[in-house]
Amino acid sequence: MSGPLHGAGVVITRPARQAAGLAHEIAALGGRPLIFPAIVIKPPADDAPLREVQRDLGRYDIAIFVSANAVEYAVGDPAAWPAKLLPFAPGPGTAAALSAVGITNVRVPATTMDSEGLLALPELADVSGRRIVIFRGSGGRELLHTVLETRGARVDQIECYRRTRPATGAAGLIEAWRDQRIDAVTLTSSEGLDNLWAIFDAEARSYLVATPAFVPHPSIAERAGSLGLRSIIVTPSADAGLLASLLEYFSAHPRPN
C-alpha cells in the first residue's frame, strides 16, 4: 500500500464511534487501520439525574464535557442550549463534537488536554458562587469536581454514560498479530489498556508488550510501562498528535514489503 505509513497495520482502541475519524486518517496516509474498541460506551443505568439537568440548564453558568461521549449523551436538544451557558472541553475532539451539534465558542485548554489543563484556564480560576455542571462517564476522575468546589463553585456532576469492558474476545487481533499484520497500537486511555489486558490471554499479551504503543498522555505511558510494554511513544494530544507521531515513527521504521 502506498503512502507515508507504508501499509503499517495500526490498531485503534477507541470506543467505536470515536474510532472512525482516526481510522480514515490512517487509511488516507497509507496505513491499515484495525478497529478494536477497548471500551464499550452505554447509556447510564439511571438517566433520571441527566434528564433533570437537561430540563433546567438555565440555572447553570458553565458546562464541562469531559469527552466526545459526554457530548453525545448529555446535550439532548441543542436548540434548548441557553446562550449564557459557557461550554468547556478538555481537547479539540470534544470541542468538535460540540460544534457538530451547534454548540460553539467552546473553551479548550491551552496547556495539557486534560482536567489539569481545564483548571488552568482563566475562566475557571475565579468561580466563586457560580453554578457548574460536569458531564462525564461513570467512575471518572474527581479532580475537576473537587478543585472547582474548593474555588467556591456549586458543582453538579452528572454521569451521562457508562463504560464497560468488551464482551467479545480478541481472536481477530491475535490472528492479525500471528499474520504479522499489526505494526502499532494506539492506546488513548488507561482504562482501555486495562480492559485489553484483562481480556487478553498470555499469547495476546506477549504480542502487545512487543508492539510499539502510541499514547497521548504520560499517565497512559506510565500504566503501559507498569504492564511491561517495551516500546511506548508519548504523542502530542488528539488525533493530530497521534498521526504526527505515527508518521515520524514509520518514516524511520518503514514496514517491510
Protein backbone atom coordinates (compact mmCIF):
# COMPACT_ATOMS: atom_id res chain seq x y z
CA MET A 1 0.00 0.00 0.00
CA SER A 2 1.42 3.40 -0.98
CA GLY A 3 1.57 6.40 1.36
CA PRO A 4 3.80 7.63 4.17
CA LEU A 5 2.59 4.97 6.60
CA HIS A 6 3.89 2.28 4.22
CA GLY A 7 0.96 -0.10 4.77
CA ALA A 8 1.52 -0.27 8.54
CA GLY A 9 -1.21 -2.04 10.49
CA VAL A 10 -2.37 0.24 13.31
CA VAL A 11 -4.80 -0.94 15.99
CA ILE A 12 -7.29 1.72 17.13
CA THR A 13 -8.68 1.01 20.59
CA ARG A 14 -11.03 3.98 20.97
CA PRO A 15 -14.77 3.43 21.51
CA ALA A 16 -16.41 2.57 18.21
CA ARG A 17 -17.98 5.96 17.39
CA GLN A 18 -14.75 7.82 18.07
CA ALA A 19 -12.58 5.39 16.08
CA ALA A 20 -13.86 6.13 12.58
CA GLY A 21 -12.18 9.51 12.11
CA LEU A 22 -8.74 8.29 13.13
CA ALA A 23 -9.16 5.14 11.01
CA HIS A 24 -9.99 7.27 7.98
CA GLU A 25 -6.90 9.44 8.50
CA ILE A 26 -4.62 6.43 8.90
CA ALA A 27 -6.00 4.85 5.73
CA ALA A 28 -5.57 8.12 3.81
CA LEU A 29 -1.90 8.11 4.80
CA GLY A 30 -1.38 4.60 3.51
CA GLY A 31 -1.84 2.69 6.74
CA ARG A 32 -4.12 -0.24 7.52
CA PRO A 33 -6.38 0.61 10.47
CA LEU A 34 -7.73 -2.21 12.62
CA ILE A 35 -10.54 -1.05 14.92
CA PHE A 36 -10.84 -2.94 18.20
CA PRO A 37 -12.75 -0.84 20.77
CA ALA A 38 -11.25 -1.41 24.22
CA ILE A 39 -14.15 0.40 25.87
CA VAL A 40 -17.85 -0.04 25.09
CA ILE A 41 -19.99 3.06 25.72
CA LYS A 42 -23.55 2.59 27.02
CA PRO A 43 -26.26 4.90 28.39
CA PRO A 44 -26.33 5.38 32.17
CA ALA A 45 -28.12 2.74 34.20
CA ASP A 46 -30.28 5.54 35.63
CA ASP A 47 -30.79 8.55 33.37
CA ALA A 48 -33.13 10.47 35.71
CA PRO A 49 -30.42 12.87 37.01
CA LEU A 50 -29.34 13.65 33.44
CA ARG A 51 -32.91 14.33 32.28
CA GLU A 52 -33.47 16.64 35.24
CA VAL A 53 -30.39 18.69 34.40
CA GLN A 54 -31.33 18.85 30.71
CA ARG A 55 -34.71 20.31 31.67
CA ASP A 56 -33.12 23.02 33.80
CA LEU A 57 -29.89 24.02 32.04
CA GLY A 58 -30.71 27.69 32.57
CA ARG A 59 -29.66 27.52 36.21
CA TYR A 60 -26.03 26.83 35.26
CA ASP A 61 -23.27 29.23 34.23
CA ILE A 62 -20.71 26.70 33.00
CA ALA A 63 -20.95 23.21 31.45
CA ILE A 64 -17.91 20.96 31.22
CA PHE A 65 -17.97 17.96 28.88
CA VAL A 66 -15.14 15.55 29.70
CA SER A 67 -15.25 13.70 26.36
CA ALA A 68 -16.97 13.40 22.99
CA ASN A 69 -19.05 10.59 24.54
CA ALA A 70 -20.34 13.06 27.13
CA VAL A 71 -21.43 15.36 24.30
CA GLU A 72 -23.30 12.54 22.56
CA TYR A 73 -25.23 11.51 25.65
CA ALA A 74 -25.64 14.81 27.52
CA VAL A 75 -26.55 17.58 25.08
CA GLY A 76 -30.10 16.46 24.38
CA ASP A 77 -31.82 19.11 22.24
CA PRO A 78 -29.15 21.61 21.09
CA ALA A 79 -31.90 24.16 20.41
CA ALA A 80 -32.56 24.25 24.16
CA TRP A 81 -28.97 25.19 24.97
CA PRO A 82 -29.01 28.53 26.89
CA ALA A 83 -26.95 31.27 25.24
CA LYS A 84 -25.39 32.25 28.58
CA LEU A 85 -24.14 28.73 29.36
CA LEU A 86 -20.40 28.58 28.64
CA PRO A 87 -19.19 25.20 27.32
CA PHE A 88 -15.77 23.77 28.18
CA ALA A 89 -13.97 20.77 26.67
CA PRO A 90 -10.62 19.13 27.52
CA GLY A 91 -9.49 18.90 23.91
CA PRO A 92 -10.25 19.56 20.25
CA GLY A 93 -12.09 16.27 19.72
CA THR A 94 -14.69 17.08 22.34
CA ALA A 95 -14.89 20.67 21.11
CA ALA A 96 -15.50 19.39 17.57
CA ALA A 97 -18.29 17.13 18.83
CA LEU A 98 -19.94 20.16 20.46
CA SER A 99 -19.54 22.22 17.31
CA ALA A 100 -21.13 19.43 15.28
CA VAL A 101 -24.34 19.78 17.29
CA GLY A 102 -24.31 23.57 17.06
CA ILE A 103 -22.65 24.49 20.38
CA THR A 104 -19.80 26.86 19.60
CA ASN A 105 -17.41 29.21 21.41
CA VAL A 106 -16.07 26.23 23.37
CA ARG A 107 -13.22 26.89 25.80
CA VAL A 108 -10.34 24.43 25.39
CA PRO A 109 -7.10 24.23 27.44
CA ALA A 110 -4.02 25.92 26.11
CA THR A 111 -1.70 23.62 28.06
CA THR A 112 -2.46 19.93 28.63
CA MET A 113 -5.61 18.39 27.18
CA ASP A 114 -7.00 17.07 30.46
CA SER A 115 -8.57 18.15 33.75
CA GLU A 116 -5.40 19.93 34.80
CA GLY A 117 -5.44 21.91 31.57
CA LEU A 118 -9.07 22.89 32.09
CA LEU A 119 -8.36 24.04 35.63
CA ALA A 120 -5.54 26.26 34.34
CA LEU A 121 -7.95 28.24 32.15
CA PRO A 122 -8.51 31.78 33.48
CA GLU A 123 -12.31 31.40 33.13
CA LEU A 124 -12.21 28.63 35.76
CA ALA A 125 -9.88 30.41 38.17
CA ASP A 126 -12.48 32.60 39.88
CA VAL A 127 -15.74 30.65 40.00
CA SER A 128 -16.97 31.60 43.47
CA GLY A 129 -20.76 31.32 43.58
CA ARG A 130 -21.07 30.09 40.01
CA ARG A 131 -23.14 27.04 39.07
CA ILE A 132 -21.20 24.39 37.14
CA VAL A 133 -22.36 21.10 35.67
CA ILE A 134 -19.82 18.43 34.72
CA PHE A 135 -20.97 15.82 32.21
CA ARG A 136 -18.84 12.69 32.46
CA GLY A 137 -18.86 8.90 32.39
CA SER A 138 -19.22 6.63 35.37
CA GLY A 139 -16.16 6.29 37.55
CA GLY A 140 -14.29 9.28 36.13
CA ARG A 141 -11.67 11.37 37.92
CA GLU A 142 -12.79 13.59 40.80
CA LEU A 143 -10.20 16.34 40.27
CA LEU A 144 -12.45 18.81 38.42
CA HIS A 145 -15.27 18.45 40.93
CA THR A 146 -13.01 18.74 43.95
CA VAL A 147 -10.95 21.72 42.78
CA LEU A 148 -13.89 23.73 41.44
CA GLU A 149 -15.75 23.29 44.71
CA THR A 150 -12.61 24.38 46.56
CA ARG A 151 -12.65 27.51 44.39
CA GLY A 152 -16.16 28.28 45.57
CA ALA A 153 -18.32 26.94 42.74
CA ARG A 154 -21.53 24.99 43.21
CA VAL A 155 -20.90 21.85 41.19
CA ASP A 156 -23.25 19.13 39.95
CA GLN A 157 -21.55 16.09 38.48
CA ILE A 158 -23.74 14.08 36.10
CA GLU A 159 -22.80 10.61 34.90
CA CYS A 160 -24.34 10.61 31.44
CA TYR A 161 -22.81 7.37 30.12
CA ARG A 162 -21.02 4.31 31.40
CA ARG A 163 -18.00 2.46 30.13
CA THR A 164 -17.85 -1.32 30.03
CA ARG A 165 -15.34 -3.95 29.01
CA PRO A 166 -15.75 -5.53 25.55
CA ALA A 167 -17.87 -8.67 25.66
CA THR A 168 -16.13 -10.24 22.67
CA GLY A 169 -12.74 -11.90 22.76
CA ALA A 170 -9.58 -10.93 20.93
CA ALA A 171 -9.37 -13.80 18.46
CA GLY A 172 -9.34 -11.47 15.46
CA LEU A 173 -6.50 -9.39 16.87
CA ILE A 174 -4.46 -12.46 17.76
CA GLU A 175 -4.87 -13.77 14.21
CA ALA A 176 -3.72 -10.40 12.83
CA TRP A 177 -0.66 -10.46 15.08
CA ARG A 178 0.14 -14.03 14.04
CA ASP A 179 -0.09 -12.97 10.41
CA GLN A 180 2.23 -10.00 11.12
CA ARG A 181 -0.48 -7.51 10.13
CA ILE A 182 -0.11 -5.36 13.25
CA ASP A 183 2.76 -2.91 13.50
CA ALA A 184 1.48 -0.43 16.10
CA VAL A 185 -1.31 0.08 18.61
CA THR A 186 -2.86 3.35 19.77
CA LEU A 187 -3.91 3.46 23.43
CA THR A 188 -5.95 6.54 24.30
CA SER A 189 -6.91 5.72 27.90
CA SER A 190 -5.51 3.75 30.81
CA GLU A 191 -8.93 2.17 31.32
CA GLY A 192 -8.96 0.88 27.76
CA LEU A 193 -5.48 -0.56 28.22
CA ASP A 194 -6.58 -2.29 31.42
CA ASN A 195 -9.60 -3.74 29.59
CA LEU A 196 -7.36 -5.15 26.87
CA TRP A 197 -5.03 -6.66 29.45
CA ALA A 198 -7.98 -8.28 31.20
CA ILE A 199 -9.45 -9.92 28.09
CA PHE A 200 -6.12 -10.90 26.50
CA ASP A 201 -4.65 -14.32 27.07
CA ALA A 202 -0.93 -14.91 27.50
CA GLU A 203 -0.32 -15.03 23.75
CA ALA A 204 -2.11 -11.74 23.08
CA ARG A 205 -0.30 -10.07 25.98
CA SER A 206 3.05 -11.21 24.58
CA TYR A 207 2.20 -9.59 21.26
CA LEU A 208 1.00 -6.38 22.91
CA VAL A 209 4.11 -5.83 25.01
CA ALA A 210 6.29 -6.23 21.91
CA THR A 211 4.24 -3.84 19.71
CA PRO A 212 5.03 -0.10 19.57
CA ALA A 213 2.32 1.68 21.56
CA PHE A 214 1.34 5.28 20.81
CA VAL A 215 -0.23 7.07 23.78
CA PRO A 216 -1.32 10.73 24.06
CA HIS A 217 -0.74 11.21 27.79
CA PRO A 218 2.08 10.43 30.24
CA SER A 219 -0.32 8.71 32.65
CA ILE A 220 -1.18 6.14 29.97
CA ALA A 221 2.51 5.66 29.26
CA GLU A 222 3.13 5.03 32.95
CA ARG A 223 0.39 2.40 33.08
CA ALA A 224 1.67 0.76 29.88
CA GLY A 225 5.18 0.62 31.33
CA SER A 226 3.88 -1.00 34.51
CA LEU A 227 2.38 -3.80 32.40
CA GLY A 228 5.67 -4.40 30.63
CA LEU A 229 5.08 -2.75 27.26
CA ARG A 230 8.55 -2.24 25.83
CA SER A 231 8.11 0.44 23.15
CA ILE A 232 5.96 3.37 24.31
CA ILE A 233 5.76 6.59 22.30
CA VAL A 234 4.11 9.54 24.06
CA THR A 235 2.45 11.66 21.38
CA PRO A 236 1.06 15.19 21.28
CA SER A 237 -2.65 15.35 22.08
CA ALA A 238 -5.64 14.49 19.87
CA ASP A 239 -5.71 12.73 16.51
CA ALA A 240 -3.24 15.18 15.01
CA GLY A 241 -0.67 14.27 17.64
CA LEU A 242 -1.16 10.54 17.17
CA LEU A 243 -0.89 10.85 13.40
CA ALA A 244 2.22 13.03 13.57
CA SER A 245 3.96 10.51 15.80
CA LEU A 246 2.90 7.58 13.63
CA LEU A 247 4.27 9.36 10.56
CA GLU A 248 7.56 10.13 12.30
CA TYR A 249 7.95 6.58 13.55
CA PHE A 250 7.16 4.82 10.28
CA SER A 251 9.34 7.24 8.34
CA ALA A 252 12.25 5.90 10.39
CA HIS A 253 10.89 2.31 10.59
CA PRO A 254 9.10 1.57 7.30
CA ARG A 255 7.14 -1.64 7.16
CA PRO A 256 8.87 -4.34 5.08
CA ASN A 257 7.17 -5.01 1.75
